Amino acid sequence: MGRRLHLILMFAIAALLASHATLTDAYPTPVDFDGSILRWDIKLGAAPITYYVDANHEGDAEIYGPLVDEAAGLWSNVTGSYFSYTPAEEGTVPQVTIYLQNAIEGGDFSAGYAIFDAYDGKVPSHCSIYVAVTGSESLNGLAKTFLHELGHCAGLGHSLIPEAIMSYELTQNSFALDIDDEAGLSRLYPADGSSPHLPPGCAVGAGSSGRGVFLGIWMMILPMLVAINSNRRRIGRPG
């Protein structure tokens, strides 16, 4: 019975892999659920992505603006990427707006969030970041929030590496980019100007093709298969 189950699982997985052969290829340019691209349409040598800090209270921009500048600077100095941020010049329309607010929707669960909220066709033209600033947050916590959300506005999704700034675990990382963060940005905007190369598992936002779900199922099935095979070998069959 165990051998039969083992063979059934093997055939099932082989069929799934055959129907999802592109899993072994690089991901395409990240897309949202409606097919909109989650990547700035910029090439090597393009002008930096501009940002502006919009504060509800007078003086907040002066207090927290330097933290935003420092966070933007970290994303702008990834060796393997040509992506960069720069403050928007006065009188110009920024591509990223950081809204500092007393409270944000869902603030009980999150210190901030980012969203691409304007498109030129299917190409992003603006990204908004909302961050709750109540005065009770630590400067280090806010700095990490700015760094995290600016990563989203660069096109990155969440990472499974706890130490990465793009992970959900802001208690396990620091105000710095982990190698996983840098790898994700470098794959979105390679320093050599080539097209994005996004293999399964990087921190870049997943698309709507369902490949991420399939990969998760495969990663759950694989240990089961190994366990079945291992147990069969260890226990053996009665003589």
Protein backbone atom coordinates (compact mmCIF):
# COMPACT_ATOMS: atom_id res chain seq x y z
CA MET A 1 0.00 0.00 0.00
CA GLY A 2 2.85 2.35 0.89
CA ARG A 3 4.55 1.72 -2.45
CA ARG A 4 1.30 2.33 -4.31
CA LEU A 5 0.77 5.66 -2.51
CA HIS A 6 4.33 6.60 -3.27
CA LEU A 7 3.84 5.92 -6.99
CA ILE A 8 0.54 7.81 -7.08
CA LEU A 9 2.17 10.85 -5.51
CA MET A 10 5.07 10.66 -7.93
CA PHE A 11 2.75 10.54 -10.95
CA ALA A 12 0.62 13.38 -9.57
CA ILE A 13 3.63 15.60 -9.02
CA ALA A 14 5.03 14.73 -12.46
CA ALA A 15 1.72 15.77 -14.02
CA LEU A 16 1.70 19.04 -12.09
CA LEU A 17 5.26 19.82 -13.09
CA ALA A 18 4.48 19.09 -16.71
CA SER A 19 1.56 21.51 -16.65
CA HIS A 20 3.64 24.17 -14.88
CA ALA A 21 6.92 23.71 -16.70
CA THR A 22 7.59 27.43 -16.59
CA LEU A 23 8.11 27.19 -12.82
CA THR A 24 11.74 26.40 -13.49
CA ASP A 25 12.05 29.56 -15.58
CA ALA A 26 12.52 33.05 -14.20
CA TYR A 27 9.37 34.84 -13.14
CA PRO A 28 8.12 37.45 -15.62
CA THR A 29 8.07 41.11 -14.64
CA PRO A 30 5.97 41.23 -11.43
CA VAL A 31 2.30 41.95 -12.00
CA ASP A 32 -0.64 42.74 -9.79
CA PHE A 33 -3.82 40.66 -9.84
CA ASP A 34 -5.27 42.71 -12.70
CA GLY A 35 -2.11 42.29 -14.78
CA SER A 36 -0.69 45.73 -13.93
CA ILE A 37 3.10 45.78 -13.74
CA LEU A 38 4.55 46.18 -10.24
CA ARG A 39 7.83 47.64 -11.46
CA TRP A 40 8.80 51.13 -12.58
CA ASP A 41 9.28 51.32 -16.31
CA ILE A 42 12.84 52.61 -16.05
CA LYS A 43 16.04 51.49 -17.70
CA LEU A 44 19.74 51.91 -16.97
CA GLY A 45 20.59 55.62 -16.92
CA ALA A 46 17.02 56.73 -16.15
CA ALA A 47 16.33 59.53 -13.68
CA PRO A 48 15.79 58.44 -10.04
CA ILE A 49 12.28 57.84 -8.72
CA THR A 50 11.19 61.00 -6.90
CA TYR A 51 9.51 61.09 -3.48
CA TYR A 52 7.86 63.66 -1.23
CA VAL A 53 6.93 63.63 2.46
CA ASP A 54 3.39 64.91 3.15
CA ALA A 55 2.67 65.44 6.86
CA ASN A 56 -0.62 66.13 8.65
CA HIS A 57 1.06 68.14 11.38
CA GLU A 58 3.37 71.05 10.90
CA GLY A 59 6.92 70.11 11.74
CA ASP A 60 6.51 66.35 11.20
CA ALA A 61 8.12 66.52 7.77
CA GLU A 62 11.15 68.23 9.29
CA ILE A 63 11.36 65.67 12.12
CA TYR A 64 10.83 62.50 10.12
CA GLY A 65 11.98 63.62 6.68
CA PRO A 66 15.65 62.82 7.44
CA LEU A 67 14.66 59.23 8.30
CA VAL A 68 12.91 58.92 4.94
CA ASP A 69 15.97 60.37 3.20
CA GLU A 70 18.25 57.88 4.92
CA ALA A 71 15.95 54.98 4.03
CA ALA A 72 15.73 56.12 0.41
CA GLY A 73 19.52 56.38 0.35
CA LEU A 74 19.92 52.73 1.30
CA TRP A 75 17.74 51.60 -1.62
CA SER A 76 19.64 53.99 -3.89
CA ASN A 77 23.03 52.46 -3.15
CA VAL A 78 22.55 48.76 -3.89
CA THR A 79 25.66 47.80 -5.85
CA GLY A 80 23.91 45.31 -8.12
CA SER A 81 21.07 47.65 -9.13
CA TYR A 82 20.63 50.89 -11.04
CA PHE A 83 17.47 51.80 -9.09
CA SER A 84 17.57 54.98 -7.02
CA TYR A 85 15.36 57.46 -5.17
CA THR A 86 15.70 61.24 -4.93
CA PRO A 87 13.60 63.95 -3.22
CA ALA A 88 11.14 65.61 -5.59
CA GLU A 89 12.00 69.16 -6.56
CA GLU A 90 9.63 71.86 -5.38
CA GLY A 91 6.77 72.37 -7.81
CA THR A 92 7.08 68.94 -9.41
CA VAL A 93 4.77 65.95 -9.03
CA PRO A 94 6.47 63.16 -7.03
CA GLN A 95 6.30 59.54 -8.10
CA VAL A 96 6.16 58.39 -4.47
CA THR A 97 4.30 60.27 -1.74
CA ILE A 98 4.87 59.38 1.93
CA TYR A 99 1.84 60.42 3.98
CA LEU A 100 2.50 60.87 7.70
CA GLN A 101 -0.82 60.55 9.53
CA ASN A 102 -2.07 60.31 13.10
CA ALA A 103 -3.84 57.09 12.28
CA ILE A 104 -4.19 54.87 9.23
CA GLU A 105 -6.80 52.31 8.28
CA GLY A 106 -5.74 49.00 9.73
CA GLY A 107 -3.32 50.79 12.02
CA ASP A 108 -4.05 48.34 14.83
CA PHE A 109 -2.24 45.72 12.80
CA SER A 110 0.30 47.67 10.78
CA ALA A 111 2.49 50.73 11.20
CA GLY A 112 2.17 51.53 7.52
CA TYR A 113 1.42 50.30 4.03
CA ALA A 114 2.27 51.11 0.43
CA ILE A 115 0.20 50.91 -2.75
CA PHE A 116 0.70 51.65 -6.44
CA ASP A 117 -2.35 53.86 -6.92
CA ALA A 118 -1.82 55.40 -10.36
CA TYR A 119 -0.86 53.85 -13.67
CA ASP A 120 0.03 54.99 -17.16
CA GLY A 121 -1.73 52.16 -18.91
CA LYS A 122 -0.37 49.17 -17.00
CA VAL A 123 2.85 50.85 -15.92
CA PRO A 124 3.01 52.46 -12.42
CA SER A 125 3.15 56.24 -12.33
CA HIS A 126 2.65 56.80 -8.59
CA CYS A 127 3.03 54.91 -5.32
CA SER A 128 1.58 56.06 -1.99
CA ILE A 129 2.96 55.20 1.42
CA TYR A 130 0.87 55.73 4.56
CA VAL A 131 2.65 55.68 7.91
CA ALA A 132 1.07 56.18 11.34
CA VAL A 133 2.96 58.80 13.34
CA THR A 134 1.45 59.26 16.79
CA GLY A 135 4.53 60.22 18.76
CA SER A 136 4.64 56.93 20.66
CA GLU A 137 6.72 55.09 18.03
CA SER A 138 10.47 54.75 18.36
CA LEU A 139 12.55 56.52 15.73
CA ASN A 140 14.23 53.23 14.89
CA GLY A 141 10.85 51.56 14.38
CA LEU A 142 9.68 54.37 12.12
CA ALA A 143 12.93 54.31 10.17
CA LYS A 144 12.49 50.58 9.51
CA THR A 145 8.89 51.19 8.45
CA PHE A 146 10.00 53.82 5.94
CA LEU A 147 12.70 51.50 4.62
CA HIS A 148 10.23 48.60 4.33
CA GLU A 149 7.52 50.62 2.55
CA LEU A 150 9.98 52.26 0.16
CA GLY A 151 10.98 48.71 -0.76
CA HIS A 152 7.39 48.00 -1.71
CA CYS A 153 7.29 51.16 -3.81
CA ALA A 154 10.39 49.90 -5.62
CA GLY A 155 8.39 46.79 -6.55
CA LEU A 156 9.42 44.30 -3.87
CA GLY A 157 7.06 41.96 -2.08
CA HIS A 158 7.54 40.36 1.33
CA SER A 159 10.55 38.17 2.04
CA LEU A 160 10.58 34.91 4.01
CA ILE A 161 13.99 35.81 5.46
CA PRO A 162 13.36 37.20 8.99
CA GLU A 163 16.47 39.40 8.89
CA ALA A 164 15.40 41.04 5.62
CA ILE A 165 13.81 44.48 5.90
CA MET A 166 11.13 43.20 3.48
CA SER A 167 10.07 40.45 5.90
CA TYR A 168 7.05 40.69 8.21
CA GLU A 169 9.39 40.31 11.19
CA LEU A 170 10.45 43.89 11.88
CA THR A 171 11.60 42.77 15.33
CA GLN A 172 14.27 40.51 13.80
CA ASN A 173 15.84 42.91 11.36
CA SER A 174 17.64 46.21 11.65
CA PHE A 175 17.60 49.51 9.79
CA ALA A 176 19.62 48.04 6.95
CA LEU A 177 19.22 46.00 3.79
CA ASP A 178 19.79 42.27 4.02
CA ILE A 179 21.41 40.39 1.14
CA ASP A 180 17.91 39.12 0.25
CA ASP A 181 16.61 42.70 -0.07
CA GLU A 182 19.54 43.66 -2.27
CA ALA A 183 19.13 40.53 -4.39
CA GLY A 184 15.46 41.31 -4.97
CA LEU A 185 16.17 44.87 -6.11
CA SER A 186 19.10 43.74 -8.23
CA ARG A 187 16.89 41.27 -10.02
CA LEU A 188 14.22 43.89 -10.68
CA TYR A 189 16.69 46.52 -11.94
CA PRO A 190 19.98 44.73 -12.80
CA ALA A 191 23.04 46.99 -12.77
CA ASP A 192 24.02 45.80 -16.26
CA GLY A 193 20.74 47.09 -17.68
CA SER A 194 19.46 43.66 -18.65
CA SER A 195 15.84 42.53 -18.31
CA PRO A 196 14.57 41.50 -14.86
CA HIS A 197 15.56 37.98 -13.80
CA LEU A 198 13.17 36.77 -11.13
CA PRO A 199 13.49 33.13 -10.05
CA PRO A 200 10.98 31.52 -7.68
CA GLY A 201 11.70 32.42 -4.07
CA CYS A 202 13.03 35.96 -4.39
CA ALA A 203 11.38 38.80 -2.50
CA VAL A 204 9.74 40.30 -5.56
CA GLY A 205 5.94 40.57 -5.54
CA ALA A 206 4.16 37.49 -6.91
CA GLY A 207 1.90 37.66 -9.93
CA SER A 208 -1.60 36.38 -10.57
CA SER A 209 -0.61 33.18 -12.35
CA GLY A 210 -0.91 31.06 -9.20
CA ARG A 211 2.70 29.89 -9.44
CA GLY A 212 3.38 31.00 -5.89
CA VAL A 213 0.53 28.81 -4.64
CA PHE A 214 1.76 25.90 -6.73
CA LEU A 215 5.29 26.30 -5.42
CA GLY A 216 3.96 26.31 -1.86
CA ILE A 217 2.03 23.09 -2.48
CA TRP A 218 5.11 21.50 -4.04
CA MET A 219 7.21 22.49 -1.03
CA MET A 220 4.67 20.82 1.25
CA ILE A 221 4.42 17.64 -0.82
CA LEU A 222 8.16 17.19 -1.28
CA PRO A 223 8.94 16.55 2.44
CA MET A 224 6.05 14.07 2.56
CA LEU A 225 7.47 12.23 -0.40
CA VAL A 226 10.92 12.13 1.10
CA ALA A 227 9.49 10.88 4.40
CA ILE A 228 7.52 8.11 2.68
CA ASN A 229 10.54 7.01 0.71
CA SER A 230 12.80 7.21 3.77
CA ASN A 231 10.41 5.23 5.97
CA ARG A 232 9.98 2.57 3.32
CA ARG A 233 13.73 2.11 3.14
CA ARG A 234 14.23 2.16 6.88
CA ILE A 235 11.37 -0.13 7.85
CA GLY A 236 11.63 -2.35 4.81
CA ARG A 237 9.18 -5.05 3.87
CA PRO A 238 8.48 -8.27 5.81
CA GLY A 239 10.30 -11.29 4.39
